[in-house]
Amino acid sequence: MKKLSYALFGLAVLLSDVMCWVVGYRYSDMLWGIRYACYSAPAWTAWLTALPFLAGIAVCVLLGAWLRRKSR
């Protein structure tokens, strides 16, 4: 169970890296679209794409902590 907890913590780190990339890309796309393509949504809506990633990171961290605690 300890190896599985390490895997879940690693997955949480990987998800956080992917989240940063996706949100950064979508934010820059929104800024470009507002300036040149007449997007009507504000740029902060790109941050809404972080919500599923944050939920996944929280689940991975909580399960990893629970499995580590259970292995002791």
C-alpha atoms as a PDB file:
ATOM      1  CA  MET A   1       0.000   0.000   0.000  1.00  0.00           C
ATOM      2  CA  LYS A   2       2.942   2.299   0.530  1.00  0.00           C
ATOM      3  CA  LYS A   3       3.917   2.027  -3.143  1.00  0.00           C
ATOM      4  CA  LEU A   4       0.388   2.881  -4.165  1.00  0.00           C
ATOM      5  CA  SER A   5       0.439   5.954  -1.944  1.00  0.00           C
ATOM      6  CA  TYR A   6       3.695   7.059  -3.606  1.00  0.00           C
ATOM      7  CA  ALA A   7       2.077   6.524  -6.994  1.00  0.00           C
ATOM      8  CA  LEU A   8      -0.894   8.660  -5.998  1.00  0.00           C
ATOM      9  CA  PHE A   9       1.347  11.448  -4.730  1.00  0.00           C
ATOM     10  CA  GLY A  10       3.299  11.281  -7.999  1.00  0.00           C
ATOM     11  CA  LEU A  11       0.052  11.463  -9.946  1.00  0.00           C
ATOM     12  CA  ALA A  12      -0.954  14.535  -7.947  1.00  0.00           C
ATOM     13  CA  VAL A  13       2.319  16.247  -8.897  1.00  0.00           C
ATOM     14  CA  LEU A  14       1.861  15.260 -12.536  1.00  0.00           C
ATOM     15  CA  LEU A  15      -1.704  16.590 -12.524  1.00  0.00           C
ATOM     16  CA  SER A  16      -0.540  19.892 -11.062  1.00  0.00           C
ATOM     17  CA  ASP A  17       2.041  20.271 -13.841  1.00  0.00           C
ATOM     18  CA  VAL A  18      -0.520  19.483 -16.533  1.00  0.00           C
ATOM     19  CA  MET A  19      -2.983  21.867 -14.893  1.00  0.00           C
ATOM     20  CA  CYS A  20      -0.464  24.717 -15.041  1.00  0.00           C
ATOM     21  CA  TRP A  21       0.201  24.052 -18.717  1.00  0.00           C
ATOM     22  CA  VAL A  22      -3.482  23.819 -19.686  1.00  0.00           C
ATOM     23  CA  VAL A  23      -4.577  26.889 -17.743  1.00  0.00           C
ATOM     24  CA  GLY A  24      -1.648  28.936 -19.046  1.00  0.00           C
ATOM     25  CA  TYR A  25      -2.384  27.945 -22.631  1.00  0.00           C
ATOM     26  CA  ARG A  26      -6.094  28.660 -22.332  1.00  0.00           C
ATOM     27  CA  TYR A  27      -5.444  31.995 -20.609  1.00  0.00           C
ATOM     28  CA  SER A  28      -3.071  33.155 -23.329  1.00  0.00           C
ATOM     29  CA  ASP A  29      -5.559  31.969 -25.965  1.00  0.00           C
ATOM     30  CA  MET A  30      -8.317  33.965 -24.266  1.00  0.00           C
ATOM     31  CA  LEU A  31      -6.145  37.091 -24.172  1.00  0.00           C
ATOM     32  CA  TRP A  32      -5.389  36.708 -27.877  1.00  0.00           C
ATOM     33  CA  GLY A  33      -9.043  36.046 -28.681  1.00  0.00           C
ATOM     34  CA  ILE A  34     -10.243  39.078 -26.751  1.00  0.00           C
ATOM     35  CA  ARG A  35      -7.816  41.331 -28.569  1.00  0.00           C
ATOM     36  CA  TYR A  36      -8.018  39.980 -32.135  1.00  0.00           C
ATOM     37  CA  ALA A  37     -10.963  37.569 -32.515  1.00  0.00           C
ATOM     38  CA  CYS A  38     -13.654  39.474 -30.577  1.00  0.00           C
ATOM     39  CA  TYR A  39     -14.221  36.915 -27.821  1.00  0.00           C
ATOM     40  CA  SER A  40     -16.890  38.164 -25.457  1.00  0.00           C
ATOM     41  CA  ALA A  41     -15.942  36.183 -22.336  1.00  0.00           C
ATOM     42  CA  PRO A  42     -13.440  37.675 -19.893  1.00  0.00           C
ATOM     43  CA  ALA A  43      -9.981  36.144 -19.661  1.00  0.00           C
ATOM     44  CA  TRP A  44     -10.503  34.902 -16.092  1.00  0.00           C
ATOM     45  CA  THR A  45     -12.869  32.223 -17.419  1.00  0.00           C
ATOM     46  CA  ALA A  46      -9.779  30.287 -18.488  1.00  0.00           C
ATOM     47  CA  TRP A  47      -9.137  29.662 -14.787  1.00  0.00           C
ATOM     48  CA  LEU A  48     -12.336  27.601 -14.643  1.00  0.00           C
ATOM     49  CA  THR A  49     -10.467  24.831 -16.474  1.00  0.00           C
ATOM     50  CA  ALA A  50      -8.421  24.348 -13.309  1.00  0.00           C
ATOM     51  CA  LEU A  51     -11.400  23.108 -11.274  1.00  0.00           C
ATOM     52  CA  PRO A  52     -11.417  19.478 -12.525  1.00  0.00           C
ATOM     53  CA  PHE A  53      -7.657  19.298 -12.077  1.00  0.00           C
ATOM     54  CA  LEU A  54      -7.913  20.634  -8.525  1.00  0.00           C
ATOM     55  CA  ALA A  55     -10.558  18.034  -7.709  1.00  0.00           C
ATOM     56  CA  GLY A  56      -8.344  15.258  -9.091  1.00  0.00           C
ATOM     57  CA  ILE A  57      -5.308  16.518  -7.182  1.00  0.00           C
ATOM     58  CA  ALA A  58      -7.305  16.652  -3.962  1.00  0.00           C
ATOM     59  CA  VAL A  59      -8.580  13.092  -4.445  1.00  0.00           C
ATOM     60  CA  CYS A  60      -5.067  11.785  -5.158  1.00  0.00           C
ATOM     61  CA  VAL A  61      -3.578  13.511  -2.118  1.00  0.00           C
ATOM     62  CA  LEU A  62      -6.359  12.382   0.205  1.00  0.00           C
ATOM     63  CA  LEU A  63      -6.222   8.767  -0.991  1.00  0.00           C
ATOM     64  CA  GLY A  64      -2.423   8.775  -0.814  1.00  0.00           C
ATOM     65  CA  ALA A  65      -2.450  10.091   2.740  1.00  0.00           C
ATOM     66  CA  TRP A  66      -5.125   7.587   3.743  1.00  0.00           C
ATOM     67  CA  LEU A  67      -3.190   4.664   2.223  1.00  0.00           C
ATOM     68  CA  ARG A  68       0.073   5.773   3.832  1.00  0.00           C
ATOM     69  CA  ARG A  69      -1.637   6.060   7.210  1.00  0.00           C
ATOM     70  CA  LYS A  70      -3.223   2.632   6.765  1.00  0.00           C
ATOM     71  CA  SER A  71       0.120   0.995   5.891  1.00  0.00           C
ATOM     72  CA  ARG A  72       1.668   1.970   9.227  1.00  0.00           C
END
